[in-house]
Amino acid sequence: MRNNRPCFVWRFFSCQQSTYHTVTATSEREARAQLPDAPCLFAARIRVEGCAMFKIIVTSTDHATGCTTRVTLRQTYKTLKGAEKAAQRLAYVCSPDGRTITFTRDADVQEVRHA
């Protein structure tokens, strides 16, 4: 699935903290959702070529047979945080007796393309 919406770098100024906050998002609402709770003034919007997209690579290892498989999932994520959260839910370790690990599934996040 390709993201055809334009992506922007948004800059906001926090008067309370006297600092600039820079956020990458497709809309001002999405950008403001990533800001701290302090009120911020809009400073600039800069169009960028594309937003980073992330995919999850799942590595499964059967320790009894020594077989390892790597699969890249089709689902793409717009944010690193969302991809990492999904990867955490996929990670798994099977240890039937509580000591011997018989099967592991690891999930790694990788930036794959720009939209």
N, C-alpha and C. Protein backbone atom coordinates (compact mmCIF):
# COMPACT_ATOMS: atom_id res chain seq x y z
N MET A 1 0.84 -1.18 0.00
CA MET A 1 0.00 0.00 0.00
C MET A 1 0.88 1.24 0.00
N ARG A 2 0.72 2.08 -0.97
CA ARG A 2 1.56 3.28 -1.10
C ARG A 2 0.85 4.48 -0.48
N ASN A 3 1.61 5.27 0.25
CA ASN A 3 1.08 6.47 0.88
C ASN A 3 1.27 7.64 -0.09
N ASN A 4 0.17 8.13 -0.69
CA ASN A 4 0.25 9.20 -1.67
C ASN A 4 0.08 10.59 -1.06
N ARG A 5 -0.17 10.66 0.21
CA ARG A 5 -0.34 11.97 0.85
C ARG A 5 1.01 12.64 0.99
N PRO A 6 1.07 13.96 0.78
CA PRO A 6 2.34 14.66 0.93
C PRO A 6 2.78 14.68 2.39
N CYS A 7 4.08 14.69 2.59
CA CYS A 7 4.63 14.68 3.94
C CYS A 7 5.37 16.00 4.17
N PHE A 8 5.30 16.49 5.40
CA PHE A 8 5.90 17.78 5.72
C PHE A 8 6.71 17.69 7.01
N VAL A 9 7.69 18.57 7.12
CA VAL A 9 8.38 18.79 8.39
C VAL A 9 7.74 20.04 8.97
N TRP A 10 7.19 19.92 10.17
CA TRP A 10 6.50 21.02 10.84
C TRP A 10 7.39 21.56 11.95
N ARG A 11 7.47 22.87 12.07
CA ARG A 11 8.23 23.50 13.16
C ARG A 11 7.27 24.32 14.00
N PHE A 12 7.36 24.14 15.29
CA PHE A 12 6.54 24.88 16.25
C PHE A 12 7.45 25.50 17.29
N PHE A 13 7.06 26.66 17.78
CA PHE A 13 7.84 27.36 18.81
C PHE A 13 7.07 27.31 20.12
N SER A 14 7.74 26.88 21.17
CA SER A 14 7.15 26.85 22.51
C SER A 14 7.63 28.08 23.26
N CYS A 15 6.70 29.00 23.55
CA CYS A 15 7.06 30.23 24.27
C CYS A 15 7.49 29.94 25.70
N GLN A 16 6.84 28.96 26.34
CA GLN A 16 7.16 28.64 27.73
C GLN A 16 8.58 28.08 27.86
N GLN A 17 8.98 27.25 26.91
CA GLN A 17 10.30 26.61 26.98
C GLN A 17 11.34 27.33 26.13
N SER A 18 10.91 28.29 25.33
CA SER A 18 11.79 29.02 24.40
C SER A 18 12.59 28.07 23.50
N THR A 19 11.90 27.07 22.97
CA THR A 19 12.55 26.09 22.09
C THR A 19 11.67 25.81 20.87
N TYR A 20 12.31 25.32 19.82
CA TYR A 20 11.59 24.89 18.62
C TYR A 20 11.41 23.37 18.69
N HIS A 21 10.27 22.91 18.24
CA HIS A 21 9.99 21.48 18.13
C HIS A 21 9.81 21.16 16.65
N THR A 22 10.49 20.14 16.17
CA THR A 22 10.41 19.73 14.77
C THR A 22 9.75 18.36 14.70
N VAL A 23 8.73 18.24 13.85
CA VAL A 23 7.94 17.02 13.75
C VAL A 23 7.71 16.70 12.27
N THR A 24 7.76 15.43 11.89
CA THR A 24 7.41 15.00 10.54
C THR A 24 6.01 14.41 10.57
N ALA A 25 5.12 14.95 9.73
CA ALA A 25 3.73 14.49 9.70
C ALA A 25 3.08 14.92 8.39
N THR A 26 1.89 14.37 8.12
CA THR A 26 1.18 14.71 6.89
C THR A 26 0.19 15.85 7.09
N SER A 27 -0.20 16.14 8.33
CA SER A 27 -1.14 17.23 8.59
C SER A 27 -0.75 17.95 9.88
N GLU A 28 -1.27 19.17 10.03
CA GLU A 28 -0.96 19.93 11.25
C GLU A 28 -1.53 19.24 12.48
N ARG A 29 -2.71 18.66 12.35
CA ARG A 29 -3.33 17.95 13.48
C ARG A 29 -2.45 16.78 13.93
N GLU A 30 -1.94 16.03 12.96
CA GLU A 30 -1.06 14.90 13.27
C GLU A 30 0.24 15.39 13.91
N ALA A 31 0.75 16.52 13.43
CA ALA A 31 1.99 17.08 13.98
C ALA A 31 1.78 17.56 15.42
N ARG A 32 0.66 18.26 15.65
CA ARG A 32 0.39 18.77 17.01
C ARG A 32 0.17 17.65 18.01
N ALA A 33 -0.32 16.50 17.54
CA ALA A 33 -0.53 15.36 18.44
C ALA A 33 0.79 14.81 18.97
N GLN A 34 1.90 15.08 18.28
CA GLN A 34 3.21 14.59 18.70
C GLN A 34 3.95 15.58 19.59
N LEU A 35 3.38 16.77 19.78
CA LEU A 35 4.04 17.81 20.57
C LEU A 35 3.78 17.62 22.06
N PRO A 36 4.62 18.24 22.92
CA PRO A 36 4.34 18.22 24.35
C PRO A 36 3.07 19.01 24.63
N ASP A 37 2.55 18.90 25.85
CA ASP A 37 1.29 19.55 26.21
C ASP A 37 1.36 21.07 26.23
N ALA A 38 2.54 21.64 26.32
CA ALA A 38 2.68 23.10 26.36
C ALA A 38 2.18 23.70 25.04
N PRO A 39 1.50 24.85 25.09
CA PRO A 39 1.04 25.48 23.85
C PRO A 39 2.21 25.89 22.96
N CYS A 40 2.07 25.64 21.67
CA CYS A 40 3.13 25.94 20.70
C CYS A 40 2.57 26.76 19.54
N LEU A 41 3.37 27.68 19.04
CA LEU A 41 3.00 28.49 17.89
C LEU A 41 3.55 27.86 16.62
N PHE A 42 2.74 27.88 15.55
CA PHE A 42 3.19 27.37 14.26
C PHE A 42 4.31 28.27 13.74
N ALA A 43 5.42 27.66 13.29
CA ALA A 43 6.55 28.45 12.79
C ALA A 43 6.82 28.19 11.31
N ALA A 44 6.74 26.93 10.86
CA ALA A 44 7.04 26.64 9.45
C ALA A 44 6.51 25.27 9.06
N ARG A 45 6.26 25.13 7.75
CA ARG A 45 5.87 23.84 7.17
C ARG A 45 6.72 23.65 5.92
N ILE A 46 7.51 22.58 5.89
CA ILE A 46 8.44 22.33 4.79
C ILE A 46 8.07 20.98 4.17
N ARG A 47 7.78 20.98 2.89
CA ARG A 47 7.43 19.73 2.22
C ARG A 47 8.69 18.90 2.00
N VAL A 48 8.59 17.63 2.31
CA VAL A 48 9.71 16.70 2.08
C VAL A 48 9.27 15.68 1.04
N GLU A 49 10.24 15.02 0.45
CA GLU A 49 9.96 14.09 -0.64
C GLU A 49 9.08 12.92 -0.18
N GLY A 50 9.28 12.43 1.01
CA GLY A 50 8.48 11.32 1.49
C GLY A 50 8.75 11.03 2.94
N CYS A 51 7.85 10.32 3.54
CA CYS A 51 8.00 9.91 4.94
C CYS A 51 8.63 8.52 4.98
N ALA A 52 9.37 8.26 6.00
CA ALA A 52 9.97 6.94 6.15
C ALA A 52 8.88 5.90 6.39
N MET A 53 9.06 4.73 5.83
CA MET A 53 8.14 3.62 6.05
C MET A 53 8.94 2.50 6.71
N PHE A 54 8.28 1.75 7.55
CA PHE A 54 8.96 0.70 8.31
C PHE A 54 8.23 -0.62 8.13
N LYS A 55 9.01 -1.69 8.09
CA LYS A 55 8.48 -3.05 8.02
C LYS A 55 9.10 -3.87 9.14
N ILE A 56 8.46 -5.00 9.42
CA ILE A 56 8.93 -5.90 10.46
C ILE A 56 9.48 -7.16 9.80
N ILE A 57 10.67 -7.56 10.23
CA ILE A 57 11.28 -8.81 9.77
C ILE A 57 11.24 -9.79 10.95
N VAL A 58 10.57 -10.91 10.73
CA VAL A 58 10.40 -11.92 11.78
C VAL A 58 11.40 -13.05 11.54
N THR A 59 12.18 -13.37 12.56
CA THR A 59 13.13 -14.48 12.51
C THR A 59 12.67 -15.56 13.48
N SER A 60 12.36 -16.74 12.96
CA SER A 60 11.92 -17.86 13.79
C SER A 60 13.01 -18.92 13.81
N THR A 61 13.30 -19.42 15.01
CA THR A 61 14.34 -20.44 15.16
C THR A 61 13.78 -21.61 15.95
N ASP A 62 13.83 -22.80 15.35
CA ASP A 62 13.46 -24.03 16.04
C ASP A 62 14.76 -24.64 16.55
N HIS A 63 14.98 -24.57 17.85
CA HIS A 63 16.25 -25.02 18.43
C HIS A 63 16.40 -26.54 18.41
N ALA A 64 15.29 -27.26 18.30
CA ALA A 64 15.37 -28.72 18.25
C ALA A 64 15.94 -29.19 16.91
N THR A 65 15.54 -28.54 15.82
CA THR A 65 16.01 -28.94 14.49
C THR A 65 17.13 -28.04 13.97
N GLY A 66 17.31 -26.89 14.58
CA GLY A 66 18.33 -25.94 14.12
C GLY A 66 17.90 -25.13 12.91
N CYS A 67 16.62 -25.20 12.56
CA CYS A 67 16.09 -24.51 11.38
C CYS A 67 15.73 -23.05 11.72
N THR A 68 16.22 -22.12 10.89
CA THR A 68 15.93 -20.70 11.08
C THR A 68 15.30 -20.15 9.81
N THR A 69 14.20 -19.40 9.97
CA THR A 69 13.55 -18.76 8.83
C THR A 69 13.38 -17.27 9.10
N ARG A 70 13.54 -16.48 8.02
CA ARG A 70 13.34 -15.03 8.10
C ARG A 70 12.24 -14.64 7.12
N VAL A 71 11.26 -13.89 7.61
CA VAL A 71 10.14 -13.46 6.79
C VAL A 71 9.93 -11.97 6.99
N THR A 72 9.78 -11.23 5.89
CA THR A 72 9.44 -9.81 5.96
C THR A 72 7.93 -9.69 5.82
N LEU A 73 7.28 -9.13 6.81
CA LEU A 73 5.82 -8.99 6.77
C LEU A 73 5.41 -7.93 5.76
N ARG A 74 4.24 -8.09 5.16
CA ARG A 74 3.76 -7.16 4.14
C ARG A 74 3.31 -5.83 4.73
N GLN A 75 2.83 -5.83 5.94
CA GLN A 75 2.33 -4.61 6.60
C GLN A 75 3.43 -3.57 6.72
N THR A 76 3.13 -2.31 6.36
CA THR A 76 4.07 -1.22 6.55
C THR A 76 3.54 -0.29 7.62
N TYR A 77 4.45 0.40 8.29
CA TYR A 77 4.10 1.31 9.38
C TYR A 77 4.65 2.69 9.07
N LYS A 78 3.88 3.73 9.38
CA LYS A 78 4.30 5.10 9.11
C LYS A 78 5.29 5.60 10.15
N THR A 79 5.21 5.07 11.35
CA THR A 79 6.09 5.56 12.42
C THR A 79 6.93 4.43 12.98
N LEU A 80 8.11 4.77 13.42
CA LEU A 80 9.00 3.79 14.05
C LEU A 80 8.36 3.26 15.33
N LYS A 81 7.72 4.14 16.07
CA LYS A 81 7.08 3.75 17.34
C LYS A 81 6.00 2.70 17.10
N GLY A 82 5.17 2.88 16.07
CA GLY A 82 4.12 1.92 15.76
C GLY A 82 4.69 0.57 15.34
N ALA A 83 5.75 0.60 14.55
CA ALA A 83 6.39 -0.64 14.11
C ALA A 83 7.03 -1.38 15.28
N GLU A 84 7.69 -0.63 16.16
CA GLU A 84 8.32 -1.27 17.32
C GLU A 84 7.28 -1.87 18.26
N LYS A 85 6.15 -1.22 18.40
CA LYS A 85 5.08 -1.74 19.26
C LYS A 85 4.55 -3.06 18.69
N ALA A 86 4.34 -3.10 17.38
CA ALA A 86 3.86 -4.33 16.74
C ALA A 86 4.91 -5.44 16.83
N ALA A 87 6.18 -5.08 16.69
CA ALA A 87 7.26 -6.07 16.78
C ALA A 87 7.34 -6.68 18.17
N GLN A 88 7.10 -5.88 19.19
CA GLN A 88 7.11 -6.40 20.57
C GLN A 88 6.03 -7.45 20.76
N ARG A 89 4.86 -7.24 20.14
CA ARG A 89 3.76 -8.20 20.28
C ARG A 89 4.06 -9.52 19.56
N LEU A 90 4.95 -9.49 18.56
CA LEU A 90 5.27 -10.70 17.79
C LEU A 90 6.37 -11.55 18.43
N ALA A 91 7.21 -10.95 19.24
CA ALA A 91 8.34 -11.68 19.85
C ALA A 91 7.80 -12.77 20.78
N TYR A 92 8.47 -13.94 20.76
CA TYR A 92 7.96 -15.09 21.50
C TYR A 92 9.10 -16.06 21.81
N VAL A 93 9.05 -16.66 23.00
CA VAL A 93 10.00 -17.70 23.38
C VAL A 93 9.21 -18.86 23.95
N CYS A 94 9.46 -20.08 23.44
CA CYS A 94 8.79 -21.28 23.94
C CYS A 94 9.78 -22.08 24.77
N SER A 95 9.41 -22.29 26.02
CA SER A 95 10.24 -23.07 26.94
C SER A 95 9.32 -23.96 27.77
N PRO A 96 8.98 -25.15 27.27
CA PRO A 96 7.98 -26.00 27.92
C PRO A 96 8.31 -26.38 29.36
N ASP A 97 9.58 -26.68 29.64
CA ASP A 97 9.93 -27.09 31.00
C ASP A 97 10.40 -25.92 31.86
N GLY A 98 10.40 -24.73 31.30
CA GLY A 98 10.82 -23.55 32.07
C GLY A 98 12.31 -23.28 32.00
N ARG A 99 13.09 -24.20 31.44
CA ARG A 99 14.54 -24.02 31.37
C ARG A 99 15.08 -24.12 29.95
N THR A 100 14.63 -25.12 29.21
CA THR A 100 15.15 -25.37 27.87
C THR A 100 14.33 -24.61 26.83
N ILE A 101 14.98 -23.76 26.07
CA ILE A 101 14.30 -23.00 25.03
C ILE A 101 14.23 -23.87 23.78
N THR A 102 13.01 -24.13 23.29
CA THR A 102 12.84 -24.97 22.11
C THR A 102 12.51 -24.18 20.85
N PHE A 103 11.93 -22.99 21.00
CA PHE A 103 11.54 -22.19 19.84
C PHE A 103 11.60 -20.70 20.21
N THR A 104 12.15 -19.88 19.32
CA THR A 104 12.15 -18.43 19.54
C THR A 104 11.68 -17.73 18.27
N ARG A 105 11.01 -16.61 18.48
CA ARG A 105 10.59 -15.76 17.36
C ARG A 105 10.95 -14.33 17.73
N ASP A 106 11.83 -13.73 16.95
CA ASP A 106 12.26 -12.35 17.15
C ASP A 106 11.70 -11.50 16.03
N ALA A 107 11.42 -10.24 16.34
CA ALA A 107 10.91 -9.31 15.32
C ALA A 107 11.77 -8.06 15.34
N ASP A 108 12.33 -7.72 14.19
CA ASP A 108 13.17 -6.53 14.05
C ASP A 108 12.49 -5.54 13.12
N VAL A 109 12.67 -4.25 13.41
CA VAL A 109 12.10 -3.19 12.59
C VAL A 109 13.17 -2.67 11.65
N GLN A 110 12.79 -2.45 10.39
CA GLN A 110 13.74 -1.94 9.40
C GLN A 110 13.05 -0.89 8.54
N GLU A 111 13.76 0.23 8.29
CA GLU A 111 13.25 1.24 7.36
C GLU A 111 13.45 0.69 5.96
N VAL A 112 12.37 0.62 5.19
CA VAL A 112 12.46 -0.04 3.89
C VAL A 112 12.36 0.88 2.69
N ARG A 113 11.62 1.96 2.78
CA ARG A 113 11.47 2.84 1.63
C ARG A 113 10.88 4.16 2.08
N HIS A 114 10.85 5.08 1.17
CA HIS A 114 10.18 6.35 1.42
C HIS A 114 8.95 6.40 0.55
N ALA A 115 7.86 6.93 1.12
CA ALA A 115 6.59 6.97 0.39
C ALA A 115 6.63 7.99 -0.73
